[in-house]
PDB file of all heavy atoms in Angstrom:
ATOM      1  N   GLY A   1      75.754  97.979  80.912  1.00  0.00           N
ATOM      2  CA  GLY A   1      76.811  97.543  81.823  1.00  0.00           C
ATOM      3  C   GLY A   1      77.969  96.836  81.162  1.00  0.00           C
ATOM      4  O   GLY A   1      78.840  96.306  81.859  1.00  0.00           O
ATOM      5  N   THR A   2      78.045  96.828  79.832  1.00  0.00           N
ATOM      6  CA  THR A   2      79.155  96.148  79.162  1.00  0.00           C
ATOM      7  C   THR A   2      80.475  96.827  79.507  1.00  0.00           C
ATOM      8  O   THR A   2      80.530  98.017  79.780  1.00  0.00           O
ATOM      9  CB  THR A   2      78.967  96.155  77.644  1.00  0.00           C
ATOM     10  OG1 THR A   2      78.777  97.497  77.197  1.00  0.00           O
ATOM     11  CG2 THR A   2      77.768  95.316  77.233  1.00  0.00           C
ATOM     12  N   GLY A   3      81.539  96.027  79.504  1.00  0.00           N
ATOM     13  CA  GLY A   3      82.867  96.555  79.788  1.00  0.00           C
ATOM     14  C   GLY A   3      83.257  96.476  81.240  1.00  0.00           C
ATOM     15  O   GLY A   3      84.337  96.939  81.618  1.00  0.00           O
ATOM     16  N   LEU A   4      82.400  95.898  82.085  1.00  0.00           N
ATOM     17  CA  LEU A   4      82.704  95.779  83.508  1.00  0.00           C
ATOM     18  C   LEU A   4      83.057  94.319  83.835  1.00  0.00           C
ATOM     19  O   LEU A   4      82.232  93.424  83.676  1.00  0.00           O
ATOM     20  CB  LEU A   4      81.488  96.214  84.356  1.00  0.00           C
ATOM     21  CG  LEU A   4      81.160  97.708  84.350  1.00  0.00           C
ATOM     22  CD1 LEU A   4      79.832  97.949  85.046  1.00  0.00           C
ATOM     23  CD2 LEU A   4      82.267  98.523  84.995  1.00  0.00           C
ATOM     24  N   GLU A   5      84.283  94.094  84.288  1.00  0.00           N
ATOM     25  CA  GLU A   5      84.641  92.777  84.788  1.00  0.00           C
ATOM     26  C   GLU A   5      83.974  92.566  86.137  1.00  0.00           C
ATOM     27  O   GLU A   5      83.635  93.507  86.843  1.00  0.00           O
ATOM     28  CB  GLU A   5      86.160  92.675  84.950  1.00  0.00           C
ATOM     29  CG  GLU A   5      86.937  92.760  83.666  1.00  0.00           C
ATOM     30  CD  GLU A   5      88.422  92.591  83.924  1.00  0.00           C
ATOM     31  OE1 GLU A   5      88.797  91.695  84.717  1.00  0.00           O
ATOM     32  OE2 GLU A   5      89.207  93.368  83.354  1.00  0.00           O
ATOM     33  N   LYS A   6      83.809  91.273  86.522  1.00  0.00           N
ATOM     34  CA  LYS A   6      83.108  90.963  87.759  1.00  0.00           C
ATOM     35  C   LYS A   6      84.064  90.478  88.843  1.00  0.00           C
ATOM     36  O   LYS A   6      85.132  89.937  88.569  1.00  0.00           O
ATOM     37  CB  LYS A   6      82.014  89.922  87.499  1.00  0.00           C
ATOM     38  CG  LYS A   6      80.886  90.435  86.615  1.00  0.00           C
ATOM     39  CD  LYS A   6      79.769  89.426  86.489  1.00  0.00           C
ATOM     40  CE  LYS A   6      78.616  89.997  85.644  1.00  0.00           C
ATOM     41  NZ  LYS A   6      77.498  89.029  85.508  1.00  0.00           N
ATOM     42  N   SER A   7      83.625  90.711  90.073  1.00  0.00           N
ATOM     43  CA  SER A   7      84.379  90.300  91.237  1.00  0.00           C
ATOM     44  C   SER A   7      83.385  89.845  92.285  1.00  0.00           C
ATOM     45  O   SER A   7      82.183  90.094  92.182  1.00  0.00           O
ATOM     46  CB  SER A   7      85.229  91.462  91.751  1.00  0.00           C
ATOM     47  OG  SER A   7      85.905  91.128  92.939  1.00  0.00           O
ATOM     48  N   THR A   8      83.862  89.169  93.319  1.00  0.00           N
ATOM     49  CA  THR A   8      83.000  88.816  94.450  1.00  0.00           C
ATOM     50  C   THR A   8      83.286  89.746  95.610  1.00  0.00           C
ATOM     51  O   THR A   8      84.340  90.395  95.658  1.00  0.00           O
ATOM     52  CB  THR A   8      83.270  87.368  94.907  1.00  0.00           C
ATOM     53  OG1 THR A   8      84.600  87.296  95.444  1.00  0.00           O
ATOM     54  CG2 THR A   8      83.122  86.391  93.755  1.00  0.00           C
ATOM     55  N   PRO A   9      82.355  89.847  96.564  1.00  0.00           N
ATOM     56  CA  PRO A   9      82.615  90.718  97.724  1.00  0.00           C
ATOM     57  C   PRO A   9      83.912  90.358  98.446  1.00  0.00           C
ATOM     58  O   PRO A   9      84.659  91.256  98.843  1.00  0.00           O
ATOM     59  CB  PRO A   9      81.386  90.484  98.595  1.00  0.00           C
ATOM     60  CG  PRO A   9      80.291  90.138  97.649  1.00  0.00           C
ATOM     61  CD  PRO A   9      80.968  89.335  96.576  1.00  0.00           C
ATOM     62  N   SER A  10      84.196  89.072  98.593  1.00  0.00           N
ATOM     63  CA  SER A  10      85.417  88.680  99.307  1.00  0.00           C
ATOM     64  C   SER A  10      86.661  89.053  98.494  1.00  0.00           C
ATOM     65  O   SER A  10      87.659  89.534  99.044  1.00  0.00           O
ATOM     66  CB  SER A  10      85.417  87.189  99.624  1.00  0.00           C
ATOM     67  OG  SER A  10      85.338  86.414  98.439  1.00  0.00           O
ATOM     68  N   GLU A  11      86.617  88.831  97.178  1.00  0.00           N
ATOM     69  CA  GLU A  11      87.748  89.229  96.332  1.00  0.00           C
ATOM     70  C   GLU A  11      87.969  90.730  96.375  1.00  0.00           C
ATOM     71  O   GLU A  11      89.105  91.208  96.276  1.00  0.00           O
ATOM     72  CB  GLU A  11      87.492  88.784  94.886  1.00  0.00           C
ATOM     73  CG  GLU A  11      87.553  87.278  94.677  1.00  0.00           C
ATOM     74  CD  GLU A  11      87.047  86.867  93.301  1.00  0.00           C
ATOM     75  OE1 GLU A  11      86.354  87.667  92.638  1.00  0.00           O
ATOM     76  OE2 GLU A  11      87.345  85.726  92.902  1.00  0.00           O
ATOM     77  N   ALA A  12      86.879  91.487  96.535  1.00  0.00           N
ATOM     78  CA  ALA A  12      86.977  92.940  96.577  1.00  0.00           C
ATOM     79  C   ALA A  12      87.351  93.463  97.947  1.00  0.00           C
ATOM     80  O   ALA A  12      87.549  94.675  98.125  1.00  0.00           O
ATOM     81  CB  ALA A  12      85.647  93.564  96.134  1.00  0.00           C
ATOM     82  N   GLY A  13      87.424  92.579  98.925  1.00  0.00           N
ATOM     83  CA  GLY A  13      87.790  93.009 100.258  1.00  0.00           C
ATOM     84  C   GLY A  13      86.696  93.727 101.003  1.00  0.00           C
ATOM     85  O   GLY A  13      86.975  94.562 101.884  1.00  0.00           O
ATOM     86  N   LEU A  14      85.444  93.430 100.680  1.00  0.00           N
ATOM     87  CA  LEU A  14      84.312  94.068 101.350  1.00  0.00           C
ATOM     88  C   LEU A  14      83.845  93.210 102.531  1.00  0.00           C
ATOM     89  O   LEU A  14      83.858  91.970 102.463  1.00  0.00           O
ATOM     90  CB  LEU A  14      83.147  94.262 100.386  1.00  0.00           C
ATOM     91  CG  LEU A  14      83.404  95.110  99.135  1.00  0.00           C
ATOM     92  CD1 LEU A  14      82.124  95.298  98.342  1.00  0.00           C
ATOM     93  CD2 LEU A  14      84.014  96.454  99.476  1.00  0.00           C
ATOM     94  N   SER A  15      83.407  93.873 103.574  1.00  0.00           N
ATOM     95  CA  SER A  15      82.849  93.180 104.731  1.00  0.00           C
ATOM     96  C   SER A  15      81.506  92.587 104.360  1.00  0.00           C
ATOM     97  O   SER A  15      80.578  93.313 103.992  1.00  0.00           O
ATOM     98  CB  SER A  15      82.688  94.153 105.889  1.00  0.00           C
ATOM     99  OG  SER A  15      81.818  93.631 106.869  1.00  0.00           O
ATOM    100  N   GLU A  16      81.372  91.275 104.456  1.00  0.00           N
ATOM    101  CA  GLU A  16      80.112  90.653 104.067  1.00  0.00           C
ATOM    102  C   GLU A  16      78.990  90.962 105.062  1.00  0.00           C
ATOM    103  O   GLU A  16      77.852  91.160 104.637  1.00  0.00           O
ATOM    104  CB  GLU A  16      80.321  89.154 103.859  1.00  0.00           C
ATOM    105  CG  GLU A  16      81.337  88.905 102.741  1.00  0.00           C
ATOM    106  CD  GLU A  16      81.123  87.585 102.008  1.00  0.00           C
ATOM    107  OE1 GLU A  16      80.006  87.043 102.036  1.00  0.00           O
ATOM    108  OE2 GLU A  16      82.101  87.122 101.400  1.00  0.00           O
ATOM    109  N   PRO A  17      79.251  91.033 106.376  1.00  0.00           N
ATOM    110  CA  PRO A  17      78.174  91.499 107.272  1.00  0.00           C
ATOM    111  C   PRO A  17      77.723  92.916 106.946  1.00  0.00           C
ATOM    112  O   PRO A  17      76.535  93.219 106.978  1.00  0.00           O
ATOM    113  CB  PRO A  17      78.803  91.395 108.659  1.00  0.00           C
ATOM    114  CG  PRO A  17      79.856  90.371 108.525  1.00  0.00           C
ATOM    115  CD  PRO A  17      80.404  90.531 107.150  1.00  0.00           C
ATOM    116  N   ALA A  18      78.684  93.793 106.622  1.00  0.00           N
ATOM    117  CA  ALA A  18      78.313  95.170 106.271  1.00  0.00           C
ATOM    118  C   ALA A  18      77.523  95.196 104.964  1.00  0.00           C
ATOM    119  O   ALA A  18      76.583  96.012 104.796  1.00  0.00           O
ATOM    120  CB  ALA A  18      79.558  96.040 106.150  1.00  0.00           C
ATOM    121  N   LEU A  19      77.874  94.324 104.027  1.00  0.00           N
ATOM    122  CA  LEU A  19      77.125  94.258 102.762  1.00  0.00           C
ATOM    123  C   LEU A  19      75.698  93.780 103.023  1.00  0.00           C
ATOM    124  O   LEU A  19      74.745  94.329 102.451  1.00  0.00           O
ATOM    125  CB  LEU A  19      77.827  93.314 101.799  1.00  0.00           C
ATOM    126  CG  LEU A  19      77.134  93.106 100.438  1.00  0.00           C
ATOM    127  CD1 LEU A  19      76.945  94.427  99.713  1.00  0.00           C
ATOM    128  CD2 LEU A  19      77.941  92.129  99.580  1.00  0.00           C
ATOM    129  N   ALA A  20      75.530  92.789 103.882  1.00  0.00           N
ATOM    130  CA  ALA A  20      74.176  92.306 104.208  1.00  0.00           C
ATOM    131  C   ALA A  20      73.351  93.427 104.829  1.00  0.00           C
ATOM    132  O   ALA A  20      72.168  93.598 104.511  1.00  0.00           O
ATOM    133  CB  ALA A  20      74.260  91.116 105.156  1.00  0.00           C
ATOM    134  N   ALA A  21      73.971  94.225 105.707  1.00  0.00           N
ATOM    135  CA  ALA A  21      73.254  95.348 106.334  1.00  0.00           C
ATOM    136  C   ALA A  21      72.883  96.401 105.300  1.00  0.00           C
ATOM    137  O   ALA A  21      71.785  96.958 105.337  1.00  0.00           O
ATOM    138  CB  ALA A  21      74.120  95.948 107.433  1.00  0.00           C
ATOM    139  N   LEU A  22      73.791  96.681 104.371  1.00  0.00           N
ATOM    140  CA  LEU A  22      73.509  97.644 103.318  1.00  0.00           C
ATOM    141  C   LEU A  22      72.348  97.189 102.449  1.00  0.00           C
ATOM    142  O   LEU A  22      71.441  97.971 102.132  1.00  0.00           O
ATOM    143  CB  LEU A  22      74.760  97.846 102.465  1.00  0.00           C
ATOM    144  CG  LEU A  22      74.596  98.670 101.176  1.00  0.00           C
ATOM    145  CD1 LEU A  22      74.185 100.110 101.491  1.00  0.00           C
ATOM    146  CD2 LEU A  22      75.878  98.648 100.347  1.00  0.00           C
ATOM    147  N   LEU A  23      72.353  95.933 102.046  1.00  0.00           N
ATOM    148  CA  LEU A  23      71.291  95.438 101.162  1.00  0.00           C
ATOM    149  C   LEU A  23      69.944  95.440 101.855  1.00  0.00           C
ATOM    150  O   LEU A  23      68.920  95.779 101.229  1.00  0.00           O
ATOM    151  CB  LEU A  23      71.636  94.032 100.681  1.00  0.00           C
ATOM    152  CG  LEU A  23      72.867  93.929  99.766  1.00  0.00           C
ATOM    153  CD1 LEU A  23      73.129  92.479  99.382  1.00  0.00           C
ATOM    154  CD2 LEU A  23      72.698  94.782  98.517  1.00  0.00           C
ATOM    155  N   LYS A  24      69.910  95.083 103.123  1.00  0.00           N
ATOM    156  CA  LYS A  24      68.635  95.103 103.850  1.00  0.00           C
ATOM    157  C   LYS A  24      68.117  96.536 103.948  1.00  0.00           C
ATOM    158  O   LYS A  24      66.927  96.795 103.713  1.00  0.00           O
ATOM    159  CB  LYS A  24      68.797  94.504 105.233  1.00  0.00           C
ATOM    160  CG  LYS A  24      67.472  94.478 106.018  1.00  0.00           C
ATOM    161  CD  LYS A  24      67.616  93.873 107.389  1.00  0.00           C
ATOM    162  CE  LYS A  24      66.243  93.700 108.063  1.00  0.00           C
ATOM    163  NZ  LYS A  24      65.443  94.931 108.082  1.00  0.00           N
ATOM    164  N   ALA A  25      69.015  97.462 104.293  1.00  0.00           N
ATOM    165  CA  ALA A  25      68.587  98.861 104.397  1.00  0.00           C
ATOM    166  C   ALA A  25      68.158  99.410 103.054  1.00  0.00           C
ATOM    167  O   ALA A  25      67.203 100.197 102.962  1.00  0.00           O
ATOM    168  CB  ALA A  25      69.733  99.701 104.981  1.00  0.00           C
ATOM    169  N   ALA A  26      68.836  99.012 101.991  1.00  0.00           N
ATOM    170  CA  ALA A  26      68.458  99.469 100.655  1.00  0.00           C
ATOM    171  C   ALA A  26      67.059  98.992 100.281  1.00  0.00           C
ATOM    172  O   ALA A  26      66.256  99.744  99.733  1.00  0.00           O
ATOM    173  CB  ALA A  26      69.488  98.986  99.630  1.00  0.00           C
ATOM    174  N   GLU A  27      66.775  97.724 100.576  1.00  0.00           N
ATOM    175  CA  GLU A  27      65.435  97.199 100.275  1.00  0.00           C
ATOM    176  C   GLU A  27      64.374  97.871 101.135  1.00  0.00           C
ATOM    177  O   GLU A  27      63.320  98.258 100.643  1.00  0.00           O
ATOM    178  CB  GLU A  27      65.412  95.697 100.482  1.00  0.00           C
ATOM    179  CG  GLU A  27      64.088  95.058 100.086  1.00  0.00           C
ATOM    180  CD  GLU A  27      64.166  93.559  99.994  1.00  0.00           C
ATOM    181  OE1 GLU A  27      65.084  92.960 100.561  1.00  0.00           O
ATOM    182  OE2 GLU A  27      63.290  92.961  99.309  1.00  0.00           O
ATOM    183  N   ASP A  28      64.669  98.029 102.433  1.00  0.00           N
ATOM    184  CA  ASP A  28      63.698  98.637 103.339  1.00  0.00           C
ATOM    185  C   ASP A  28      63.399 100.084 102.986  1.00  0.00           C
ATOM    186  O   ASP A  28      62.321 100.593 103.307  1.00  0.00           O
ATOM    187  CB  ASP A  28      64.218  98.562 104.787  1.00  0.00           C
ATOM    188  CG  ASP A  28      64.240  97.138 105.335  1.00  0.00           C
ATOM    189  OD1 ASP A  28      63.637  96.248 104.709  1.00  0.00           O
ATOM    190  OD2 ASP A  28      64.876  96.926 106.394  1.00  0.00           O
ATOM    191  N   SER A  29      64.351 100.750 102.321  1.00  0.00           N
ATOM    192  CA  SER A  29      64.152 102.168 101.984  1.00  0.00           C
ATOM    193  C   SER A  29      63.539 102.361 100.604  1.00  0.00           C
ATOM    194  O   SER A  29      63.461 103.483 100.109  1.00  0.00           O
ATOM    195  CB  SER A  29      65.487 102.910 102.063  1.00  0.00           C
ATOM    196  OG  SER A  29      66.405 102.416 101.095  1.00  0.00           O
ATOM    197  N   GLY A  30      63.096 101.278  99.968  1.00  0.00           N
ATOM    198  CA  GLY A  30      62.415 101.406  98.688  1.00  0.00           C
ATOM    199  C   GLY A  30      63.321 101.583  97.495  1.00  0.00           C
ATOM    200  O   GLY A  30      62.920 102.147  96.480  1.00  0.00           O
ATOM    201  N   SER A  31      64.560 101.102  97.583  1.00  0.00           N
ATOM    202  CA  SER A  31      65.494 101.250  96.468  1.00  0.00           C
ATOM    203  C   SER A  31      65.020 100.486  95.235  1.00  0.00           C
ATOM    204  O   SER A  31      64.446  99.408  95.349  1.00  0.00           O
ATOM    205  CB  SER A  31      66.881 100.741  96.858  1.00  0.00           C
ATOM    206  OG  SER A  31      67.388 101.437  97.980  1.00  0.00           O
ATOM    207  N   ALA A  32      65.289 101.047  94.065  1.00  0.00           N
ATOM    208  CA  ALA A  32      65.023 100.341  92.823  1.00  0.00           C
ATOM    209  C   ALA A  32      66.266  99.650  92.285  1.00  0.00           C
ATOM    210  O   ALA A  32      66.173  98.615  91.631  1.00  0.00           O
ATOM    211  CB  ALA A  32      64.485 101.309  91.769  1.00  0.00           C
ATOM    212  N   GLY A  33      67.442 100.226  92.553  1.00  0.00           N
ATOM    213  CA  GLY A  33      68.675  99.629  92.059  1.00  0.00           C
ATOM    214  C   GLY A  33      69.855 100.030  92.914  1.00  0.00           C
ATOM    215  O   GLY A  33      69.918 101.155  93.413  1.00  0.00           O
ATOM    216  N   LEU A  34      70.795  99.106  93.093  1.00  0.00           N
ATOM    217  CA  LEU A  34      72.013  99.359  93.843  1.00  0.00           C
ATOM    218  C   LEU A  34      73.154  98.652  93.124  1.00  0.00           C
ATOM    219  O   LEU A  34      73.035  97.485  92.742  1.00  0.00           O
ATOM    220  CB  LEU A  34      71.896  98.814  95.276  1.00  0.00           C
ATOM    221  CG  LEU A  34      73.150  98.833  96.152  1.00  0.00           C
ATOM    222  CD1 LEU A  34      73.554 100.257  96.471  1.00  0.00           C
ATOM    223  CD2 LEU A  34      72.899  98.057  97.451  1.00  0.00           C
ATOM    224  N   VAL A  35      74.260  99.372  92.897  1.00  0.00           N
ATOM    225  CA  VAL A  35      75.421  98.842  92.195  1.00  0.00           C
ATOM    226  C   VAL A  35      76.668  99.180  92.997  1.00  0.00           C
ATOM    227  O   VAL A  35      76.825 100.312  93.466  1.00  0.00           O
ATOM    228  CB  VAL A  35      75.526  99.411  90.777  1.00  0.00           C
ATOM    229  CG1 VAL A  35      76.840  98.989  90.112  1.00  0.00           C
ATOM    230  CG2 VAL A  35      74.347  98.968  89.914  1.00  0.00           C
ATOM    231  N   LEU A  36      77.600  98.213  93.108  1.00  0.00           N
ATOM    232  CA  LEU A  36      78.876  98.426  93.780  1.00  0.00           C
ATOM    233  C   LEU A  36      80.010  97.993  92.856  1.00  0.00           C
ATOM    234  O   LEU A  36      79.972  96.911  92.258  1.00  0.00           O
ATOM    235  CB  LEU A  36      78.967  97.607  95.073  1.00  0.00           C
ATOM    236  CG  LEU A  36      78.006  97.976  96.208  1.00  0.00           C
ATOM    237  CD1 LEU A  36      78.133  96.958  97.338  1.00  0.00           C
ATOM    238  CD2 LEU A  36      78.280  99.392  96.716  1.00  0.00           C
ATOM    239  N   LEU A  37      81.030  98.864  92.728  1.00  0.00           N
ATOM    240  CA  LEU A  37      82.251  98.543  92.008  1.00  0.00           C
ATOM    241  C   LEU A  37      83.418  98.734  92.982  1.00  0.00           C
ATOM    242  O   LEU A  37      83.462  99.718  93.732  1.00  0.00           O
ATOM    243  CB  LEU A  37      82.473  99.468  90.812  1.00  0.00           C
ATOM    244  CG  LEU A  37      81.380  99.600  89.757  1.00  0.00           C
ATOM    245  CD1 LEU A  37      81.838 100.565  88.664  1.00  0.00           C
ATOM    246  CD2 LEU A  37      81.041  98.267  89.147  1.00  0.00           C
ATOM    247  N   ARG A  38      84.360  97.794  92.986  1.00  0.00           N
ATOM    248  CA  ARG A  38      85.583  97.957  93.795  1.00  0.00           C
ATOM    249  C   ARG A  38      86.758  97.522  92.953  1.00  0.00           C
ATOM    250  O   ARG A  38      86.710  96.479  92.287  1.00  0.00           O
ATOM    251  CB  ARG A  38      85.506  97.098  95.069  1.00  0.00           C
ATOM    252  CG  ARG A  38      86.750  97.351  95.988  1.00  0.00           C
ATOM    253  CD  ARG A  38      86.348  98.168  97.169  1.00  0.00           C
ATOM    254  NE  ARG A  38      87.453  98.807  97.863  1.00  0.00           N
ATOM    255  CZ  ARG A  38      88.126  98.307  98.895  1.00  0.00           C
ATOM    256  NH1 ARG A  38      87.851  97.084  99.332  1.00  0.00           N
ATOM    257  NH2 ARG A  38      89.060  99.018  99.478  1.00  0.00           N
ATOM    258  N   HIS A  39      87.811  98.318  93.009  1.00  0.00           N
ATOM    259  CA  HIS A  39      89.024  98.056  92.227  1.00  0.00           C
ATOM    260  C   HIS A  39      88.682  97.907  90.746  1.00  0.00           C
ATOM    261  O   HIS A  39      89.275  97.108  90.023  1.00  0.00           O
ATOM    262  CB  HIS A  39      89.755  96.803  92.740  1.00  0.00           C
ATOM    263  CG  HIS A  39      90.084  96.841  94.199  1.00  0.00           C
ATOM    264  ND1 HIS A  39      90.579  97.976  94.834  1.00  0.00           N
ATOM    265  CD2 HIS A  39      89.960  95.891  95.165  1.00  0.00           C
ATOM    266  CE1 HIS A  39      90.761  97.719  96.123  1.00  0.00           C
ATOM    267  NE2 HIS A  39      90.378  96.470  96.360  1.00  0.00           N
TER     268      HIS A  39
END
């Protein structure tokens, strides 16, 4: 993952309630890894 600058969900303009729903669904579906990049 080198070469990737970091941001926060709010800085990226992502809906935090939608992010919470995504993460819960990802865990419930047996995900091993989830990555989000914006801008």
